[in-house]
PDB file of all heavy atoms in Angstrom:
ATOM      1  N   LEU A   1       0.837  -1.205   0.000  1.00  0.00           N
ATOM      2  CA  LEU A   1       0.000   0.000   0.000  1.00  0.00           C
ATOM      3  C   LEU A   1       0.867   1.248   0.000  1.00  0.00           C
ATOM      4  O   LEU A   1       0.591   2.220   0.708  1.00  0.00           O
ATOM      5  CB  LEU A   1      -0.923  -0.009   1.227  1.00  0.00           C
ATOM      6  CG  LEU A   1      -1.913  -1.183   1.302  1.00  0.00           C
ATOM      7  CD1 LEU A   1      -2.724  -1.122   2.580  1.00  0.00           C
ATOM      8  CD2 LEU A   1      -2.823  -1.213   0.080  1.00  0.00           C
ATOM      9  N   ASN A   2       1.919   1.213  -0.802  1.00  0.00           N
ATOM     10  CA  ASN A   2       2.816   2.360  -0.899  1.00  0.00           C
ATOM     11  C   ASN A   2       2.159   3.474  -1.717  1.00  0.00           C
ATOM     12  O   ASN A   2       1.209   3.220  -2.478  1.00  0.00           O
ATOM     13  CB  ASN A   2       4.142   1.938  -1.536  1.00  0.00           C
ATOM     14  CG  ASN A   2       3.966   1.337  -2.923  1.00  0.00           C
ATOM     15  OD1 ASN A   2       3.841   2.052  -3.904  1.00  0.00           O
ATOM     16  ND2 ASN A   2       3.928   0.009  -2.989  1.00  0.00           N
ATOM     17  N   PRO A   3       2.627   4.719  -1.564  1.00  0.00           N
ATOM     18  CA  PRO A   3       1.981   5.850  -2.254  1.00  0.00           C
ATOM     19  C   PRO A   3       1.902   5.688  -3.768  1.00  0.00           C
ATOM     20  O   PRO A   3       0.890   6.060  -4.375  1.00  0.00           O
ATOM     21  CB  PRO A   3       2.862   7.044  -1.867  1.00  0.00           C
ATOM     22  CG  PRO A   3       3.470   6.646  -0.561  1.00  0.00           C
ATOM     23  CD  PRO A   3       3.686   5.175  -0.650  1.00  0.00           C
ATOM     24  N   TYR A   4       2.942   5.128  -4.383  1.00  0.00           N
ATOM     25  CA  TYR A   4       2.923   4.988  -5.843  1.00  0.00           C
ATOM     26  C   TYR A   4       1.826   4.022  -6.285  1.00  0.00           C
ATOM     27  O   TYR A   4       1.077   4.300  -7.226  1.00  0.00           O
ATOM     28  CB  TYR A   4       4.278   4.509  -6.349  1.00  0.00           C
ATOM     29  CG  TYR A   4       4.323   4.342  -7.850  1.00  0.00           C
ATOM     30  CD1 TYR A   4       4.491   5.441  -8.688  1.00  0.00           C
ATOM     31  CD2 TYR A   4       4.171   3.083  -8.435  1.00  0.00           C
ATOM     32  CE1 TYR A   4       4.510   5.296 -10.068  1.00  0.00           C
ATOM     33  CE2 TYR A   4       4.190   2.931  -9.809  1.00  0.00           C
ATOM     34  CZ  TYR A   4       4.363   4.037 -10.626  1.00  0.00           C
ATOM     35  OH  TYR A   4       4.371   3.880 -11.989  1.00  0.00           O
ATOM     36  N   ALA A   5       1.716   2.881  -5.599  1.00  0.00           N
ATOM     37  CA  ALA A   5       0.687   1.900  -5.957  1.00  0.00           C
ATOM     38  C   ALA A   5      -0.709   2.480  -5.765  1.00  0.00           C
ATOM     39  O   ALA A   5      -1.604   2.257  -6.591  1.00  0.00           O
ATOM     40  CB  ALA A   5       0.862   0.634  -5.129  1.00  0.00           C
ATOM     41  N   LEU A   6      -0.910   3.238  -4.701  1.00  0.00           N
ATOM     42  CA  LEU A   6      -2.211   3.868  -4.467  1.00  0.00           C
ATOM     43  C   LEU A   6      -2.517   4.906  -5.542  1.00  0.00           C
ATOM     44  O   LEU A   6      -3.671   5.040  -5.974  1.00  0.00           O
ATOM     45  CB  LEU A   6      -2.235   4.520  -3.078  1.00  0.00           C
ATOM     46  CG  LEU A   6      -2.126   3.556  -1.886  1.00  0.00           C
ATOM     47  CD1 LEU A   6      -2.061   4.334  -0.582  1.00  0.00           C
ATOM     48  CD2 LEU A   6      -3.293   2.578  -1.870  1.00  0.00           C
ATOM     49  N   MET A   7      -1.479   5.617  -5.995  1.00  0.00           N
ATOM     50  CA  MET A   7      -1.667   6.599  -7.060  1.00  0.00           C
ATOM     51  C   MET A   7      -2.100   5.917  -8.360  1.00  0.00           C
ATOM     52  O   MET A   7      -3.013   6.383  -9.051  1.00  0.00           O
ATOM     53  CB  MET A   7      -0.369   7.383  -7.287  1.00  0.00           C
ATOM     54  CG  MET A   7      -0.484   8.479  -8.331  1.00  0.00           C
ATOM     55  SD  MET A   7       1.097   9.291  -8.629  1.00  0.00           S
ATOM     56  CE  MET A   7       1.452   9.924  -6.988  1.00  0.00           C
ATOM     57  N   VAL A   8      -1.463   4.798  -8.682  1.00  0.00           N
ATOM     58  CA  VAL A   8      -1.860   4.046  -9.870  1.00  0.00           C
ATOM     59  C   VAL A   8      -3.274   3.506  -9.704  1.00  0.00           C
ATOM     60  O   VAL A   8      -4.052   3.444 -10.657  1.00  0.00           O
ATOM     61  CB  VAL A   8      -0.866   2.897 -10.150  1.00  0.00           C
ATOM     62  CG1 VAL A   8      -1.324   2.074 -11.352  1.00  0.00           C
ATOM     63  CG2 VAL A   8       0.527   3.448 -10.413  1.00  0.00           C
ATOM     64  N   GLY A   9      -3.635   3.138  -8.471  1.00  0.00           N
ATOM     65  CA  GLY A   9      -4.997   2.675  -8.210  1.00  0.00           C
ATOM     66  C   GLY A   9      -6.028   3.752  -8.489  1.00  0.00           C
ATOM     67  O   GLY A   9      -7.056   3.482  -9.120  1.00  0.00           O
ATOM     68  N   VAL A  10      -5.768   4.976  -8.053  1.00  0.00           N
ATOM     69  CA  VAL A  10      -6.685   6.086  -8.315  1.00  0.00           C
ATOM     70  C   VAL A  10      -6.759   6.367  -9.821  1.00  0.00           C
ATOM     71  O   VAL A  10      -7.837   6.619 -10.369  1.00  0.00           O
ATOM     72  CB  VAL A  10      -6.240   7.346  -7.548  1.00  0.00           C
ATOM     73  CG1 VAL A  10      -7.091   8.549  -7.938  1.00  0.00           C
ATOM     74  CG2 VAL A  10      -6.332   7.109  -6.044  1.00  0.00           C
ATOM     75  N   THR A  11      -5.606   6.308 -10.495  1.00  0.00           N
ATOM     76  CA  THR A  11      -5.577   6.536 -11.944  1.00  0.00           C
ATOM     77  C   THR A  11      -6.396   5.481 -12.680  1.00  0.00           C
ATOM     78  O   THR A  11      -7.098   5.785 -13.657  1.00  0.00           O
ATOM     79  CB  THR A  11      -4.126   6.526 -12.458  1.00  0.00           C
ATOM     80  OG1 THR A  11      -3.370   7.518 -11.762  1.00  0.00           O
ATOM     81  CG2 THR A  11      -4.074   6.816 -13.954  1.00  0.00           C
ATOM     82  N   THR A  12      -6.322   4.239 -12.215  1.00  0.00           N
ATOM     83  CA  THR A  12      -7.095   3.163 -12.830  1.00  0.00           C
ATOM     84  C   THR A  12      -8.586   3.388 -12.647  1.00  0.00           C
ATOM     85  O   THR A  12      -9.386   3.160 -13.562  1.00  0.00           O
ATOM     86  CB  THR A  12      -6.687   1.807 -12.231  1.00  0.00           C
ATOM     87  OG1 THR A  12      -5.279   1.626 -12.376  1.00  0.00           O
ATOM     88  CG2 THR A  12      -7.409   0.659 -12.928  1.00  0.00           C
ATOM     89  N   VAL A  13      -8.989   3.841 -11.453  1.00  0.00           N
ATOM     90  CA  VAL A  13     -10.399   4.170 -11.214  1.00  0.00           C
ATOM     91  C   VAL A  13     -10.850   5.267 -12.177  1.00  0.00           C
ATOM     92  O   VAL A  13     -11.927   5.190 -12.779  1.00  0.00           O
ATOM     93  CB  VAL A  13     -10.612   4.614  -9.754  1.00  0.00           C
ATOM     94  CG1 VAL A  13     -12.024   5.175  -9.568  1.00  0.00           C
ATOM     95  CG2 VAL A  13     -10.393   3.451  -8.798  1.00  0.00           C
ATOM     96  N   ALA A  14     -10.000   6.290 -12.353  1.00  0.00           N
ATOM     97  CA  ALA A  14     -10.332   7.383 -13.270  1.00  0.00           C
ATOM     98  C   ALA A  14     -10.469   6.876 -14.705  1.00  0.00           C
ATOM     99  O   ALA A  14     -11.375   7.285 -15.447  1.00  0.00           O
ATOM    100  CB  ALA A  14      -9.260   8.470 -13.190  1.00  0.00           C
ATOM    101  N   LEU A  15      -9.564   5.974 -15.097  1.00  0.00           N
ATOM    102  CA  LEU A  15      -9.610   5.413 -16.453  1.00  0.00           C
ATOM    103  C   LEU A  15     -10.899   4.629 -16.667  1.00  0.00           C
ATOM    104  O   LEU A  15     -11.569   4.778 -17.699  1.00  0.00           O
ATOM    105  CB  LEU A  15      -8.391   4.509 -16.680  1.00  0.00           C
ATOM    106  CG  LEU A  15      -8.366   3.711 -17.986  1.00  0.00           C
ATOM    107  CD1 LEU A  15      -8.338   4.641 -19.193  1.00  0.00           C
ATOM    108  CD2 LEU A  15      -7.169   2.758 -18.008  1.00  0.00           C
ATOM    109  N   PHE A  16     -11.278   3.810 -15.690  1.00  0.00           N
ATOM    110  CA  PHE A  16     -12.488   3.006 -15.837  1.00  0.00           C
ATOM    111  C   PHE A  16     -13.748   3.859 -15.767  1.00  0.00           C
ATOM    112  O   PHE A  16     -14.768   3.523 -16.382  1.00  0.00           O
ATOM    113  CB  PHE A  16     -12.527   1.917 -14.767  1.00  0.00           C
ATOM    114  CG  PHE A  16     -11.526   0.807 -15.000  1.00  0.00           C
ATOM    115  CD1 PHE A  16     -11.318  -0.166 -14.042  1.00  0.00           C
ATOM    116  CD2 PHE A  16     -10.801   0.744 -16.172  1.00  0.00           C
ATOM    117  CE1 PHE A  16     -10.408  -1.188 -14.254  1.00  0.00           C
ATOM    118  CE2 PHE A  16      -9.883  -0.261 -16.406  1.00  0.00           C
ATOM    119  CZ  PHE A  16      -9.694  -1.245 -15.440  1.00  0.00           C
ATOM    120  N   MET A  17     -13.694   4.957 -14.994  1.00  0.00           N
ATOM    121  CA  MET A  17     -14.821   5.891 -14.988  1.00  0.00           C
ATOM    122  C   MET A  17     -15.030   6.483 -16.375  1.00  0.00           C
ATOM    123  O   MET A  17     -16.160   6.553 -16.873  1.00  0.00           O
ATOM    124  CB  MET A  17     -14.561   7.001 -13.970  1.00  0.00           C
ATOM    125  CG  MET A  17     -14.708   6.595 -12.517  1.00  0.00           C
ATOM    126  SD  MET A  17     -14.142   7.878 -11.378  1.00  0.00           S
ATOM    127  CE  MET A  17     -15.238   9.224 -11.826  1.00  0.00           C
ATOM    128  N   MET A  18     -13.932   6.898 -17.014  1.00  0.00           N
ATOM    129  CA  MET A  18     -14.023   7.475 -18.348  1.00  0.00           C
ATOM    130  C   MET A  18     -14.490   6.424 -19.355  1.00  0.00           C
ATOM    131  O   MET A  18     -15.405   6.668 -20.158  1.00  0.00           O
ATOM    132  CB  MET A  18     -12.663   8.045 -18.766  1.00  0.00           C
ATOM    133  CG  MET A  18     -12.653   8.661 -20.158  1.00  0.00           C
ATOM    134  SD  MET A  18     -11.005   9.209 -20.675  1.00  0.00           S
ATOM    135  CE  MET A  18     -10.190   7.609 -20.925  1.00  0.00           C
ATOM    136  N   HIS A  19     -13.899   5.251 -19.308  1.00  0.00           N
ATOM    137  CA  HIS A  19     -14.221   4.201 -20.269  1.00  0.00           C
ATOM    138  C   HIS A  19     -15.676   3.751 -20.107  1.00  0.00           C
ATOM    139  O   HIS A  19     -16.394   3.555 -21.095  1.00  0.00           O
ATOM    140  CB  HIS A  19     -13.265   3.023 -20.066  1.00  0.00           C
ATOM    141  CG  HIS A  19     -13.327   2.001 -21.156  1.00  0.00           C
ATOM    142  ND1 HIS A  19     -12.960   2.274 -22.451  1.00  0.00           N
ATOM    143  CD2 HIS A  19     -13.712   0.697 -21.138  1.00  0.00           C
ATOM    144  CE1 HIS A  19     -13.100   1.182 -23.197  1.00  0.00           C
ATOM    145  NE2 HIS A  19     -13.569   0.217 -22.417  1.00  0.00           N
ATOM    146  N   GLY A  20     -16.099   3.593 -18.851  1.00  0.00           N
ATOM    147  CA  GLY A  20     -17.466   3.151 -18.609  1.00  0.00           C
ATOM    148  C   GLY A  20     -18.505   4.177 -19.032  1.00  0.00           C
ATOM    149  O   GLY A  20     -19.550   3.827 -19.607  1.00  0.00           O
ATOM    150  N   SER A  21     -18.229   5.449 -18.758  1.00  0.00           N
ATOM    151  CA  SER A  21     -19.183   6.489 -19.154  1.00  0.00           C
ATOM    152  C   SER A  21     -19.254   6.617 -20.675  1.00  0.00           C
ATOM    153  O   SER A  21     -20.337   6.877 -21.229  1.00  0.00           O
ATOM    154  CB  SER A  21     -18.797   7.826 -18.523  1.00  0.00           C
ATOM    155  OG  SER A  21     -17.483   8.215 -18.890  1.00  0.00           O
ATOM    156  N   ILE A  22     -18.140   6.409 -21.360  1.00  0.00           N
ATOM    157  CA  ILE A  22     -18.163   6.422 -22.829  1.00  0.00           C
ATOM    158  C   ILE A  22     -19.017   5.272 -23.349  1.00  0.00           C
ATOM    159  O   ILE A  22     -19.790   5.429 -24.307  1.00  0.00           O
ATOM    160  CB  ILE A  22     -16.729   6.326 -23.395  1.00  0.00           C
ATOM    161  CG1 ILE A  22     -15.955   7.609 -23.097  1.00  0.00           C
ATOM    162  CG2 ILE A  22     -16.746   6.067 -24.895  1.00  0.00           C
ATOM    163  CD1 ILE A  22     -14.490   7.542 -23.467  1.00  0.00           C
ATOM    164  N   TYR A  23     -18.915   4.115 -22.702  1.00  0.00           N
ATOM    165  CA  TYR A  23     -19.728   2.964 -23.121  1.00  0.00           C
ATOM    166  C   TYR A  23     -21.214   3.247 -22.911  1.00  0.00           C
ATOM    167  O   TYR A  23     -22.055   2.884 -23.747  1.00  0.00           O
ATOM    168  CB  TYR A  23     -19.306   1.725 -22.334  1.00  0.00           C
ATOM    169  CG  TYR A  23     -20.011   0.458 -22.771  1.00  0.00           C
ATOM    170  CD1 TYR A  23     -19.643  -0.186 -23.950  1.00  0.00           C
ATOM    171  CD2 TYR A  23     -21.042  -0.089 -22.013  1.00  0.00           C
ATOM    172  CE1 TYR A  23     -20.278  -1.338 -24.359  1.00  0.00           C
ATOM    173  CE2 TYR A  23     -21.692  -1.246 -22.418  1.00  0.00           C
ATOM    174  CZ  TYR A  23     -21.299  -1.869 -23.592  1.00  0.00           C
ATOM    175  OH  TYR A  23     -21.945  -3.001 -24.001  1.00  0.00           O
ATOM    176  N   VAL A  24     -21.553   3.902 -21.793  1.00  0.00           N
ATOM    177  CA  VAL A  24     -22.952   4.259 -21.536  1.00  0.00           C
ATOM    178  C   VAL A  24     -23.455   5.215 -22.620  1.00  0.00           C
ATOM    179  O   VAL A  24     -24.581   5.078 -23.118  1.00  0.00           O
ATOM    180  CB  VAL A  24     -23.107   4.878 -20.137  1.00  0.00           C
ATOM    181  CG1 VAL A  24     -24.521   5.417 -19.939  1.00  0.00           C
ATOM    182  CG2 VAL A  24     -22.795   3.848 -19.055  1.00  0.00           C
ATOM    183  N   VAL A  25     -22.621   6.193 -22.989  1.00  0.00           N
ATOM    184  CA  VAL A  25     -22.999   7.127 -24.056  1.00  0.00           C
ATOM    185  C   VAL A  25     -23.253   6.373 -25.362  1.00  0.00           C
ATOM    186  O   VAL A  25     -24.213   6.652 -26.094  1.00  0.00           O
ATOM    187  CB  VAL A  25     -21.902   8.191 -24.253  1.00  0.00           C
ATOM    188  CG1 VAL A  25     -22.137   8.987 -25.539  1.00  0.00           C
ATOM    189  CG2 VAL A  25     -21.857   9.141 -23.067  1.00  0.00           C
ATOM    190  N   MET A  26     -22.397   5.406 -25.646  1.00  0.00           N
ATOM    191  CA  MET A  26     -22.512   4.664 -26.903  1.00  0.00           C
ATOM    192  C   MET A  26     -23.752   3.778 -26.938  1.00  0.00           C
ATOM    193  O   MET A  26     -24.330   3.550 -28.000  1.00  0.00           O
ATOM    194  CB  MET A  26     -21.255   3.806 -27.104  1.00  0.00           C
ATOM    195  CG  MET A  26     -21.206   3.072 -28.436  1.00  0.00           C
ATOM    196  SD  MET A  26     -19.686   2.103 -28.659  1.00  0.00           S
ATOM    197  CE  MET A  26     -19.892   0.840 -27.404  1.00  0.00           C
ATOM    198  N   LYS A  27     -24.204   3.309 -25.782  1.00  0.00           N
ATOM    199  CA  LYS A  27     -25.295   2.331 -25.734  1.00  0.00           C
ATOM    200  C   LYS A  27     -26.657   2.922 -25.403  1.00  0.00           C
ATOM    201  O   LYS A  27     -27.649   2.195 -25.413  1.00  0.00           O
ATOM    202  CB  LYS A  27     -24.958   1.248 -24.697  1.00  0.00           C
ATOM    203  CG  LYS A  27     -23.724   0.434 -25.023  1.00  0.00           C
ATOM    204  CD  LYS A  27     -23.905  -0.407 -26.279  1.00  0.00           C
ATOM    205  CE  LYS A  27     -24.908  -1.514 -26.041  1.00  0.00           C
ATOM    206  NZ  LYS A  27     -25.066  -2.380 -27.235  1.00  0.00           N
ATOM    207  N   THR A  28     -26.740   4.222 -25.095  1.00  0.00           N
ATOM    208  CA  THR A  28     -28.020   4.790 -24.658  1.00  0.00           C
ATOM    209  C   THR A  28     -28.439   5.951 -25.552  1.00  0.00           C
ATOM    210  O   THR A  28     -27.686   6.402 -26.426  1.00  0.00           O
ATOM    211  CB  THR A  28     -27.927   5.285 -23.200  1.00  0.00           C
ATOM    212  OG1 THR A  28     -26.902   6.278 -23.101  1.00  0.00           O
ATOM    213  CG2 THR A  28     -27.610   4.137 -22.261  1.00  0.00           C
ATOM    214  N   GLN A  29     -29.623   6.442 -25.299  1.00  0.00           N
ATOM    215  CA  GLN A  29     -30.148   7.609 -25.997  1.00  0.00           C
ATOM    216  C   GLN A  29     -31.066   8.366 -25.057  1.00  0.00           C
ATOM    217  O   GLN A  29     -31.399   7.890 -23.975  1.00  0.00           O
ATOM    218  CB  GLN A  29     -30.905   7.193 -27.258  1.00  0.00           C
ATOM    219  CG  GLN A  29     -32.041   6.223 -27.007  1.00  0.00           C
ATOM    220  CD  GLN A  29     -32.710   5.775 -28.279  1.00  0.00           C
ATOM    221  OE1 GLN A  29     -32.427   6.278 -29.359  1.00  0.00           O
ATOM    222  NE2 GLN A  29     -33.645   4.828 -28.172  1.00  0.00           N
ATOM    223  N   GLY A  30     -31.457   9.560 -25.460  1.00  0.00           N
ATOM    224  CA  GLY A  30     -32.364  10.348 -24.641  1.00  0.00           C
ATOM    225  C   GLY A  30     -31.684  11.006 -23.449  1.00  0.00           C
ATOM    226  O   GLY A  30     -30.476  11.292 -23.485  1.00  0.00           O
ATOM    227  N   PRO A  31     -32.424  11.233 -22.362  1.00  0.00           N
ATOM    228  CA  PRO A  31     -31.888  11.949 -21.188  1.00  0.00           C
ATOM    229  C   PRO A  31     -30.673  11.265 -20.578  1.00  0.00           C
ATOM    230  O   PRO A  31     -29.726  11.937 -20.156  1.00  0.00           O
ATOM    231  CB  PRO A  31     -33.077  11.958 -20.216  1.00  0.00           C
ATOM    232  CG  PRO A  31     -34.285  11.819 -21.080  1.00  0.00           C
ATOM    233  CD  PRO A  31     -33.872  10.942 -22.212  1.00  0.00           C
ATOM    234  N   LEU A  32     -30.693   9.927 -20.500  1.00  0.00           N
ATOM    235  CA  LEU A  32     -29.552   9.219 -19.932  1.00  0.00           C
ATOM    236  C   LEU A  32     -28.302   9.424 -20.783  1.00  0.00           C
ATOM    237  O   LEU A  32     -27.197   9.601 -20.256  1.00  0.00           O
ATOM    238  CB  LEU A  32     -29.864   7.724 -19.807  1.00  0.00           C
ATOM    239  CG  LEU A  32     -28.734   6.855 -19.226  1.00  0.00           C
ATOM    240  CD1 LEU A  32     -28.337   7.347 -17.841  1.00  0.00           C
ATOM    241  CD2 LEU A  32     -29.177   5.391 -19.170  1.00  0.00           C
ATOM    242  N   HIS A  33     -28.468   9.421 -22.095  1.00  0.00           N
ATOM    243  CA  HIS A  33     -27.350   9.669 -23.011  1.00  0.00           C
ATOM    244  C   HIS A  33     -26.763  11.057 -22.773  1.00  0.00           C
ATOM    245  O   HIS A  33     -25.535  11.222 -22.697  1.00  0.00           O
ATOM    246  CB  HIS A  33     -27.839   9.526 -24.453  1.00  0.00           C
ATOM    247  CG  HIS A  33     -26.821   9.893 -25.484  1.00  0.00           C
ATOM    248  ND1 HIS A  33     -26.642  11.199 -25.919  1.00  0.00           N
ATOM    249  CD2 HIS A  33     -25.914   9.147 -26.161  1.00  0.00           C
ATOM    250  CE1 HIS A  33     -25.678  11.225 -26.810  1.00  0.00           C
ATOM    251  NE2 HIS A  33     -25.217  10.001 -26.990  1.00  0.00           N
ATOM    252  N   ASP A  34     -27.618  12.052 -22.640  1.00  0.00           N
ATOM    253  CA  ASP A  34     -27.149  13.428 -22.422  1.00  0.00           C
ATOM    254  C   ASP A  34     -26.445  13.564 -21.069  1.00  0.00           C
ATOM    255  O   ASP A  34     -25.426  14.262 -20.958  1.00  0.00           O
ATOM    256  CB  ASP A  34     -28.327  14.398 -22.492  1.00  0.00           C
ATOM    257  CG  ASP A  34     -28.985  14.392 -23.870  1.00  0.00           C
ATOM    258  OD1 ASP A  34     -28.302  14.033 -24.841  1.00  0.00           O
ATOM    259  OD2 ASP A  34     -30.189  14.734 -23.951  1.00  0.00           O
ATOM    260  N   GLN A  35     -26.965  12.900 -20.057  1.00  0.00           N
ATOM    261  CA  GLN A  35     -26.329  12.952 -18.746  1.00  0.00           C
ATOM    262  C   GLN A  35     -24.978  12.244 -18.771  1.00  0.00           C
ATOM    263  O   GLN A  35     -24.011  12.712 -18.168  1.00  0.00           O
ATOM    264  CB  GLN A  35     -27.239  12.303 -17.699  1.00  0.00           C
ATOM    265  CG  GLN A  35     -26.705  12.399 -16.275  1.00  0.00           C
ATOM    266  CD  GLN A  35     -27.643  11.773 -15.267  1.00  0.00           C
ATOM    267  OE1 GLN A  35     -28.633  11.150 -15.638  1.00  0.00           O
ATOM    268  NE2 GLN A  35     -27.348  11.930 -13.996  1.00  0.00           N
ATOM    269  N   ALA A  36     -24.905  11.122 -19.479  1.00  0.00           N
ATOM    270  CA  ALA A  36     -23.659  10.367 -19.558  1.00  0.00           C
ATOM    271  C   ALA A  36     -22.568  11.155 -20.286  1.00  0.00           C
ATOM    272  O   ALA A  36     -21.381  10.995 -19.990  1.00  0.00           O
ATOM    273  CB  ALA A  36     -23.900   9.024 -20.249  1.00  0.00           C
ATOM    274  N   ARG A  37     -22.960  12.000 -21.231  1.00  0.00           N
ATOM    275  CA  ARG A  37     -21.963  12.825 -21.929  1.00  0.00           C
ATOM    276  C   ARG A  37     -21.277  13.769 -20.938  1.00  0.00           C
ATOM    277  O   ARG A  37     -20.070  14.028 -21.058  1.00  0.00           O
ATOM    278  CB  ARG A  37     -22.630  13.623 -23.047  1.00  0.00           C
ATOM    279  CG  ARG A  37     -23.001  12.787 -24.260  1.00  0.00           C
ATOM    280  CD  ARG A  37     -23.616  13.658 -25.348  1.00  0.00           C
ATOM    281  NE  ARG A  37     -22.668  14.635 -25.853  1.00  0.00           N
ATOM    282  CZ  ARG A  37     -21.781  14.391 -26.810  1.00  0.00           C
ATOM    283  NH1 ARG A  37     -21.730  13.183 -27.360  1.00  0.00           N
ATOM    284  NH2 ARG A  37     -20.959  15.318 -27.223  1.00  0.00           N
ATOM    285  N   ASN A  38     -22.015  14.275 -19.961  1.00  0.00           N
ATOM    286  CA  ASN A  38     -21.394  15.099 -18.922  1.00  0.00           C
ATOM    287  C   ASN A  38     -20.453  14.270 -18.059  1.00  0.00           C
ATOM    288  O   ASN A  38     -19.409  14.749 -17.614  1.00  0.00           O
ATOM    289  CB  ASN A  38     -22.475  15.743 -18.050  1.00  0.00           C
ATOM    290  CG  ASN A  38     -23.310  16.757 -18.821  1.00  0.00           C
ATOM    291  OD1 ASN A  38     -22.802  17.427 -19.721  1.00  0.00           O
ATOM    292  ND2 ASN A  38     -24.586  16.870 -18.479  1.00  0.00           N
ATOM    293  N   TRP A  39     -20.840  13.005 -17.810  1.00  0.00           N
ATOM    294  CA  TRP A  39     -19.953  12.127 -17.059  1.00  0.00           C
ATOM    295  C   TRP A  39     -18.623  11.949 -17.788  1.00  0.00           C
ATOM    296  O   TRP A  39     -17.572  11.915 -17.156  1.00  0.00           O
ATOM    297  CB  TRP A  39     -20.602  10.759 -16.868  1.00  0.00           C
ATOM    298  CG  TRP A  39     -21.869  10.759 -16.066  1.00  0.00           C
ATOM    299  CD1 TRP A  39     -22.344  11.778 -15.276  1.00  0.00           C
ATOM    300  CD2 TRP A  39     -22.832   9.712 -15.981  1.00  0.00           C
ATOM    301  NE1 TRP A  39     -23.533  11.418 -14.700  1.00  0.00           N
ATOM    302  CE2 TRP A  39     -23.863  10.159 -15.106  1.00  0.00           C
ATOM    303  CE3 TRP A  39     -22.922   8.436 -16.541  1.00  0.00           C
ATOM    304  CZ2 TRP A  39     -24.965   9.367 -14.804  1.00  0.00           C
ATOM    305  CZ3 TRP A  39     -24.018   7.643 -16.229  1.00  0.00           C
ATOM    306  CH2 TRP A  39     -25.033   8.108 -15.369  1.00  0.00           C
ATOM    307  N   VAL A  40     -18.694  11.826 -19.116  1.00  0.00           N
ATOM    308  CA  VAL A  40     -17.468  11.625 -19.900  1.00  0.00           C
ATOM    309  C   VAL A  40     -16.526  12.807 -19.714  1.00  0.00           C
ATOM    310  O   VAL A  40     -15.318  12.628 -19.494  1.00  0.00           O
ATOM    311  CB  VAL A  40     -17.804  11.428 -21.393  1.00  0.00           C
ATOM    312  CG1 VAL A  40     -16.531  11.411 -22.223  1.00  0.00           C
ATOM    313  CG2 VAL A  40     -18.577  10.131 -21.604  1.00  0.00           C
ATOM    314  N   HIS A  41     -17.037  14.024 -19.813  1.00  0.00           N
ATOM    315  CA  HIS A  41     -16.187  15.210 -19.692  1.00  0.00           C
ATOM    316  C   HIS A  41     -15.528  15.275 -18.317  1.00  0.00           C
ATOM    317  O   HIS A  41     -14.316  15.525 -18.214  1.00  0.00           O
ATOM    318  CB  HIS A  41     -17.015  16.481 -19.939  1.00  0.00           C
ATOM    319  CG  HIS A  41     -17.412  16.671 -21.378  1.00  0.00           C
ATOM    320  ND1 HIS A  41     -18.652  16.321 -21.842  1.00  0.00           N
ATOM    321  CD2 HIS A  41     -16.727  17.158 -22.444  1.00  0.00           C
ATOM    322  CE1 HIS A  41     -18.726  16.590 -23.131  1.00  0.00           C
ATOM    323  NE2 HIS A  41     -17.571  17.106 -23.532  1.00  0.00           N
TER     324      HIS A  41
END
């Protein structure tokens, strides 16, 4: 649980947040699609 490993852990969470929100944008439409686009940014 050293600082570098924890930093990479946070970066991985950020990467998956971005990737997952992009997938939601790609798979949805309407209000959820518009909200997910804000998640991507």
